């Protein structure tokens, strides 16, 4: 078996935010955990995580206990705890610039206005890490962005959401099992 890869889904902790657009990263982590029988039962002060295997790749799947805007605290703590180099970190997060149903891989760069990603970049001191962006679409007006990302998906969006989460989980599986 090879070294460990850290896969962190961004979101907000607590029941209030469980099914919101901002928590789509958590949904992908839950799907991966279920598919690969990884129990997310271990705790650090800043995150809940589980250790397991995808293919032959050892992984840590994690969901921060921190709120989205300070996600960098959890990602940095997990990276340090497991001695994960940046090349073995994958951050999964929602993206307003992609419609629901679209996923996109990004390997470096800025935060594109996403406060959770901004926090990760600030805490790690670099934007050179891989992210999987999950489309959630945009609200009709800019003033509605906060309430939009903190709102649940509409009932008619749920089948596409489920399909998108599954596609994202499959993309992660392919990413972590690719030869280096």
C-alpha atoms as a PDB file:
ATOM      1  CA  UNK A   1       0.000   0.000   0.000  1.00  0.00           C
ATOM      2  CA  UNK A   2       1.067   3.527  -0.700  1.00  0.00           C
ATOM      3  CA  UNK A   3       1.150   6.649   1.444  1.00  0.00           C
ATOM      4  CA  UNK A   4      -2.042   8.230   2.800  1.00  0.00           C
ATOM      5  CA  UNK A   5      -4.217  10.724   0.901  1.00  0.00           C
ATOM      6  CA  UNK A   6      -6.336  13.220   2.803  1.00  0.00           C
ATOM      7  CA  UNK A   7      -9.795  13.963   1.370  1.00  0.00           C
ATOM      8  CA  UNK A   8     -11.673  16.767   3.097  1.00  0.00           C
ATOM      9  CA  UNK A   9     -15.234  17.794   2.289  1.00  0.00           C
ATOM     10  CA  UNK A  10     -16.035  21.372   3.248  1.00  0.00           C
ATOM     11  CA  UNK A  11     -19.289  22.322   4.918  1.00  0.00           C
ATOM     12  CA  UNK A  12     -20.820  23.651   8.115  1.00  0.00           C
ATOM     13  CA  UNK A  13     -21.253  21.463  11.197  1.00  0.00           C
ATOM     14  CA  UNK A  14     -24.574  20.829  12.873  1.00  0.00           C
ATOM     15  CA  UNK A  15     -28.074  19.642  12.054  1.00  0.00           C
ATOM     16  CA  UNK A  16     -29.178  23.114  10.895  1.00  0.00           C
ATOM     17  CA  UNK A  17     -26.824  23.009   7.890  1.00  0.00           C
ATOM     18  CA  UNK A  18     -26.920  19.278   7.099  1.00  0.00           C
ATOM     19  CA  UNK A  19     -28.831  19.389   3.803  1.00  0.00           C
ATOM     20  CA  UNK A  20     -27.720  22.814   2.562  1.00  0.00           C
ATOM     21  CA  UNK A  21     -25.963  23.702  -0.670  1.00  0.00           C
ATOM     22  CA  UNK A  22     -22.831  24.750   1.225  1.00  0.00           C
ATOM     23  CA  UNK A  23     -22.537  21.198   2.610  1.00  0.00           C
ATOM     24  CA  UNK A  24     -22.245  19.346  -0.678  1.00  0.00           C
ATOM     25  CA  UNK A  25     -18.605  18.547   0.224  1.00  0.00           C
ATOM     26  CA  UNK A  26     -19.864  16.702   3.310  1.00  0.00           C
ATOM     27  CA  UNK A  27     -22.333  14.767   1.123  1.00  0.00           C
ATOM     28  CA  UNK A  28     -19.503  13.523  -1.101  1.00  0.00           C
ATOM     29  CA  UNK A  29     -17.471  12.438   1.951  1.00  0.00           C
ATOM     30  CA  UNK A  30     -20.530  10.581   3.291  1.00  0.00           C
ATOM     31  CA  UNK A  31     -20.989   8.830  -0.082  1.00  0.00           C
ATOM     32  CA  UNK A  32     -17.318   7.782  -0.177  1.00  0.00           C
ATOM     33  CA  UNK A  33     -17.441   6.603   3.446  1.00  0.00           C
ATOM     34  CA  UNK A  34     -20.527   4.480   2.745  1.00  0.00           C
ATOM     35  CA  UNK A  35     -19.152   3.020  -0.494  1.00  0.00           C
ATOM     36  CA  UNK A  36     -15.795   2.062   1.049  1.00  0.00           C
ATOM     37  CA  UNK A  37     -16.962   1.191   4.568  1.00  0.00           C
ATOM     38  CA  UNK A  38     -15.011   3.984   6.231  1.00  0.00           C
ATOM     39  CA  UNK A  39     -16.463   4.821   9.637  1.00  0.00           C
ATOM     40  CA  UNK A  40     -16.255   8.564  10.288  1.00  0.00           C
ATOM     41  CA  UNK A  41     -15.957   8.028  14.036  1.00  0.00           C
ATOM     42  CA  UNK A  42     -12.554   9.421  14.949  1.00  0.00           C
ATOM     43  CA  UNK A  43     -12.192  12.950  16.259  1.00  0.00           C
ATOM     44  CA  UNK A  44      -9.678  15.749  16.307  1.00  0.00           C
ATOM     45  CA  UNK A  45     -10.682  19.033  17.950  1.00  0.00           C
ATOM     46  CA  UNK A  46     -11.350  20.492  14.480  1.00  0.00           C
ATOM     47  CA  UNK A  47     -12.695  17.517  12.481  1.00  0.00           C
ATOM     48  CA  UNK A  48     -14.406  14.139  12.385  1.00  0.00           C
ATOM     49  CA  UNK A  49     -12.602  11.604  10.223  1.00  0.00           C
ATOM     50  CA  UNK A  50     -12.198   7.978   9.284  1.00  0.00           C
ATOM     51  CA  UNK A  51      -9.329   5.977   7.870  1.00  0.00           C
ATOM     52  CA  UNK A  52      -9.785   3.403   5.134  1.00  0.00           C
ATOM     53  CA  UNK A  53      -8.845   2.213   1.681  1.00  0.00           C
ATOM     54  CA  UNK A  54     -10.105   3.120  -1.779  1.00  0.00           C
ATOM     55  CA  UNK A  55      -8.757   0.530  -4.216  1.00  0.00           C
ATOM     56  CA  UNK A  56      -5.307   0.010  -2.735  1.00  0.00           C
ATOM     57  CA  UNK A  57      -4.907   3.652  -1.692  1.00  0.00           C
ATOM     58  CA  UNK A  58      -4.992   4.443   2.018  1.00  0.00           C
ATOM     59  CA  UNK A  59      -7.175   7.466   2.672  1.00  0.00           C
ATOM     60  CA  UNK A  60      -8.389   9.694   5.449  1.00  0.00           C
ATOM     61  CA  UNK A  61     -11.904  11.034   4.821  1.00  0.00           C
ATOM     62  CA  UNK A  62     -12.727  14.106   6.898  1.00  0.00           C
ATOM     63  CA  UNK A  63     -15.449  16.634   7.657  1.00  0.00           C
ATOM     64  CA  UNK A  64     -14.393  19.765   9.576  1.00  0.00           C
ATOM     65  CA  UNK A  65     -16.103  20.745  12.837  1.00  0.00           C
ATOM     66  CA  UNK A  66     -15.225  24.339  11.980  1.00  0.00           C
ATOM     67  CA  UNK A  67     -17.642  26.568  10.106  1.00  0.00           C
ATOM     68  CA  UNK A  68     -17.016  27.016   6.382  1.00  0.00           C
ATOM     69  CA  UNK A  69     -15.281  30.379   6.662  1.00  0.00           C
ATOM     70  CA  UNK A  70     -12.575  28.932   8.932  1.00  0.00           C
ATOM     71  CA  UNK A  71     -12.213  25.542   7.229  1.00  0.00           C
ATOM     72  CA  UNK A  72      -8.486  26.155   6.889  1.00  0.00           C
ATOM     73  CA  UNK A  73      -8.030  25.473  10.615  1.00  0.00           C
ATOM     74  CA  UNK A  74      -9.361  21.935  10.204  1.00  0.00           C
ATOM     75  CA  UNK A  75      -7.554  21.217   6.922  1.00  0.00           C
ATOM     76  CA  UNK A  76      -4.227  22.462   8.334  1.00  0.00           C
ATOM     77  CA  UNK A  77      -4.697  20.460  11.555  1.00  0.00           C
ATOM     78  CA  UNK A  78      -5.528  17.282   9.633  1.00  0.00           C
ATOM     79  CA  UNK A  79      -2.596  17.798   7.237  1.00  0.00           C
ATOM     80  CA  UNK A  80      -0.229  18.239  10.163  1.00  0.00           C
ATOM     81  CA  UNK A  81      -1.685  15.362  12.215  1.00  0.00           C
ATOM     82  CA  UNK A  82      -1.265  12.894   9.340  1.00  0.00           C
ATOM     83  CA  UNK A  83       1.879  14.506   7.819  1.00  0.00           C
ATOM     84  CA  UNK A  84       0.118  14.935   4.477  1.00  0.00           C
ATOM     85  CA  UNK A  85       2.056  16.720   1.729  1.00  0.00           C
ATOM     86  CA  UNK A  86       0.037  19.151  -0.412  1.00  0.00           C
ATOM     87  CA  UNK A  87       0.155  16.752  -3.355  1.00  0.00           C
ATOM     88  CA  UNK A  88      -1.868  14.228  -1.329  1.00  0.00           C
ATOM     89  CA  UNK A  89      -4.601  16.646  -0.256  1.00  0.00           C
ATOM     90  CA  UNK A  90      -7.988  16.857  -1.983  1.00  0.00           C
ATOM     91  CA  UNK A  91     -10.558  19.440  -0.866  1.00  0.00           C
ATOM     92  CA  UNK A  92     -14.170  19.018  -2.020  1.00  0.00           C
ATOM     93  CA  UNK A  93     -16.436  22.079  -1.983  1.00  0.00           C
ATOM     94  CA  UNK A  94     -19.510  23.744  -3.434  1.00  0.00           C
ATOM     95  CA  UNK A  95     -19.158  26.192  -6.320  1.00  0.00           C
ATOM     96  CA  UNK A  96     -21.625  28.928  -7.319  1.00  0.00           C
ATOM     97  CA  UNK A  97     -20.013  29.292 -10.752  1.00  0.00           C
ATOM     98  CA  UNK A  98     -20.989  25.783 -11.823  1.00  0.00           C
ATOM     99  CA  UNK A  99     -24.556  24.641 -12.353  1.00  0.00           C
ATOM    100  CA  UNK A 100     -25.869  21.738 -10.331  1.00  0.00           C
ATOM    101  CA  UNK A 101     -24.764  18.589 -12.080  1.00  0.00           C
ATOM    102  CA  UNK A 102     -21.307  19.895 -13.023  1.00  0.00           C
ATOM    103  CA  UNK A 103     -18.092  18.989 -11.247  1.00  0.00           C
ATOM    104  CA  UNK A 104     -14.680  20.373 -12.041  1.00  0.00           C
ATOM    105  CA  UNK A 105     -11.178  19.571 -10.901  1.00  0.00           C
ATOM    106  CA  UNK A 106      -8.794  22.395 -10.050  1.00  0.00           C
ATOM    107  CA  UNK A 107      -5.184  21.750  -9.072  1.00  0.00           C
ATOM    108  CA  UNK A 108      -4.039  25.200  -7.992  1.00  0.00           C
ATOM    109  CA  UNK A 109      -5.034  28.828  -7.958  1.00  0.00           C
ATOM    110  CA  UNK A 110      -7.090  31.287  -5.976  1.00  0.00           C
ATOM    111  CA  UNK A 111     -10.291  30.951  -3.998  1.00  0.00           C
ATOM    112  CA  UNK A 112     -12.694  32.342  -6.667  1.00  0.00           C
ATOM    113  CA  UNK A 113     -14.582  34.102  -3.877  1.00  0.00           C
ATOM    114  CA  UNK A 114     -15.191  30.941  -1.818  1.00  0.00           C
ATOM    115  CA  UNK A 115     -14.483  31.798   1.817  1.00  0.00           C
ATOM    116  CA  UNK A 116     -13.858  28.191   2.837  1.00  0.00           C
ATOM    117  CA  UNK A 117     -11.229  27.754   0.121  1.00  0.00           C
ATOM    118  CA  UNK A 118      -9.790  31.174   1.011  1.00  0.00           C
ATOM    119  CA  UNK A 119      -9.371  30.002   4.609  1.00  0.00           C
ATOM    120  CA  UNK A 120      -7.617  26.796   3.468  1.00  0.00           C
ATOM    121  CA  UNK A 121      -5.246  28.791   1.238  1.00  0.00           C
ATOM    122  CA  UNK A 122      -4.476  31.225   4.082  1.00  0.00           C
ATOM    123  CA  UNK A 123      -3.781  28.449   6.610  1.00  0.00           C
ATOM    124  CA  UNK A 124      -1.708  26.318   4.220  1.00  0.00           C
ATOM    125  CA  UNK A 125       0.097  29.361   2.828  1.00  0.00           C
ATOM    126  CA  UNK A 126      -0.517  28.286  -0.773  1.00  0.00           C
ATOM    127  CA  UNK A 127      -3.203  27.556  -3.333  1.00  0.00           C
ATOM    128  CA  UNK A 128      -1.231  24.592  -4.715  1.00  0.00           C
ATOM    129  CA  UNK A 129      -3.574  21.787  -3.692  1.00  0.00           C
ATOM    130  CA  UNK A 130      -6.268  19.873  -5.559  1.00  0.00           C
ATOM    131  CA  UNK A 131      -9.946  20.753  -5.213  1.00  0.00           C
ATOM    132  CA  UNK A 132     -13.034  19.149  -6.593  1.00  0.00           C
ATOM    133  CA  UNK A 133     -15.627  21.843  -7.244  1.00  0.00           C
ATOM    134  CA  UNK A 134     -19.260  20.736  -7.076  1.00  0.00           C
ATOM    135  CA  UNK A 135     -21.752  22.967  -8.878  1.00  0.00           C
ATOM    136  CA  UNK A 136     -24.661  24.374  -6.889  1.00  0.00           C
ATOM    137  CA  UNK A 137     -25.672  27.147  -9.316  1.00  0.00           C
ATOM    138  CA  UNK A 138     -26.310  30.807  -8.484  1.00  0.00           C
ATOM    139  CA  UNK A 139     -29.238  32.610  -6.890  1.00  0.00           C
ATOM    140  CA  UNK A 140     -31.184  35.113  -9.025  1.00  0.00           C
ATOM    141  CA  UNK A 141     -29.577  38.142  -7.297  1.00  0.00           C
ATOM    142  CA  UNK A 142     -26.188  38.717  -5.708  1.00  0.00           C
ATOM    143  CA  UNK A 143     -27.804  39.876  -2.452  1.00  0.00           C
ATOM    144  CA  UNK A 144     -29.206  36.372  -1.943  1.00  0.00           C
ATOM    145  CA  UNK A 145     -25.880  34.480  -1.991  1.00  0.00           C
ATOM    146  CA  UNK A 146     -25.570  33.826   1.764  1.00  0.00           C
ATOM    147  CA  UNK A 147     -29.178  32.678   2.170  1.00  0.00           C
ATOM    148  CA  UNK A 148     -28.849  30.645  -1.048  1.00  0.00           C
ATOM    149  CA  UNK A 149     -25.769  28.643  -0.006  1.00  0.00           C
ATOM    150  CA  UNK A 150     -27.291  28.058   3.431  1.00  0.00           C
ATOM    151  CA  UNK A 151     -30.605  26.874   1.974  1.00  0.00           C
ATOM    152  CA  UNK A 152     -31.547  23.259   1.277  1.00  0.00           C
ATOM    153  CA  UNK A 153     -31.791  21.948  -2.251  1.00  0.00           C
ATOM    154  CA  UNK A 154     -35.265  22.140  -3.777  1.00  0.00           C
ATOM    155  CA  UNK A 155     -37.184  18.860  -3.955  1.00  0.00           C
ATOM    156  CA  UNK A 156     -36.957  18.827  -7.761  1.00  0.00           C
ATOM    157  CA  UNK A 157     -33.146  19.185  -7.538  1.00  0.00           C
ATOM    158  CA  UNK A 158     -32.677  16.129  -5.314  1.00  0.00           C
ATOM    159  CA  UNK A 159     -32.384  13.506  -8.088  1.00  0.00           C
ATOM    160  CA  UNK A 160     -29.738  15.603  -9.874  1.00  0.00           C
ATOM    161  CA  UNK A 161     -27.989  16.268  -6.542  1.00  0.00           C
ATOM    162  CA  UNK A 162     -27.822  12.544  -5.822  1.00  0.00           C
ATOM    163  CA  UNK A 163     -26.421  11.877  -9.299  1.00  0.00           C
ATOM    164  CA  UNK A 164     -23.877  14.711  -8.901  1.00  0.00           C
ATOM    165  CA  UNK A 165     -22.691  13.445  -5.509  1.00  0.00           C
ATOM    166  CA  UNK A 166     -22.264   9.959  -7.000  1.00  0.00           C
ATOM    167  CA  UNK A 167     -20.329  11.348 -10.002  1.00  0.00           C
ATOM    168  CA  UNK A 168     -18.102  13.336  -7.634  1.00  0.00           C
ATOM    169  CA  UNK A 169     -17.437  10.263  -5.473  1.00  0.00           C
ATOM    170  CA  UNK A 170     -16.490   8.288  -8.590  1.00  0.00           C
ATOM    171  CA  UNK A 171     -14.176  11.113  -9.695  1.00  0.00           C
ATOM    172  CA  UNK A 172     -12.467  11.029  -6.281  1.00  0.00           C
ATOM    173  CA  UNK A 173     -12.065   7.250  -6.527  1.00  0.00           C
ATOM    174  CA  UNK A 174     -10.352   7.627  -9.907  1.00  0.00           C
ATOM    175  CA  UNK A 175      -8.146  10.464  -8.656  1.00  0.00           C
ATOM    176  CA  UNK A 176      -6.843   8.633  -5.598  1.00  0.00           C
ATOM    177  CA  UNK A 177      -6.171   5.395  -7.446  1.00  0.00           C
ATOM    178  CA  UNK A 178      -4.238   6.934 -10.348  1.00  0.00           C
ATOM    179  CA  UNK A 179      -0.550   5.989 -10.358  1.00  0.00           C
ATOM    180  CA  UNK A 180       1.658   8.872  -9.282  1.00  0.00           C
END
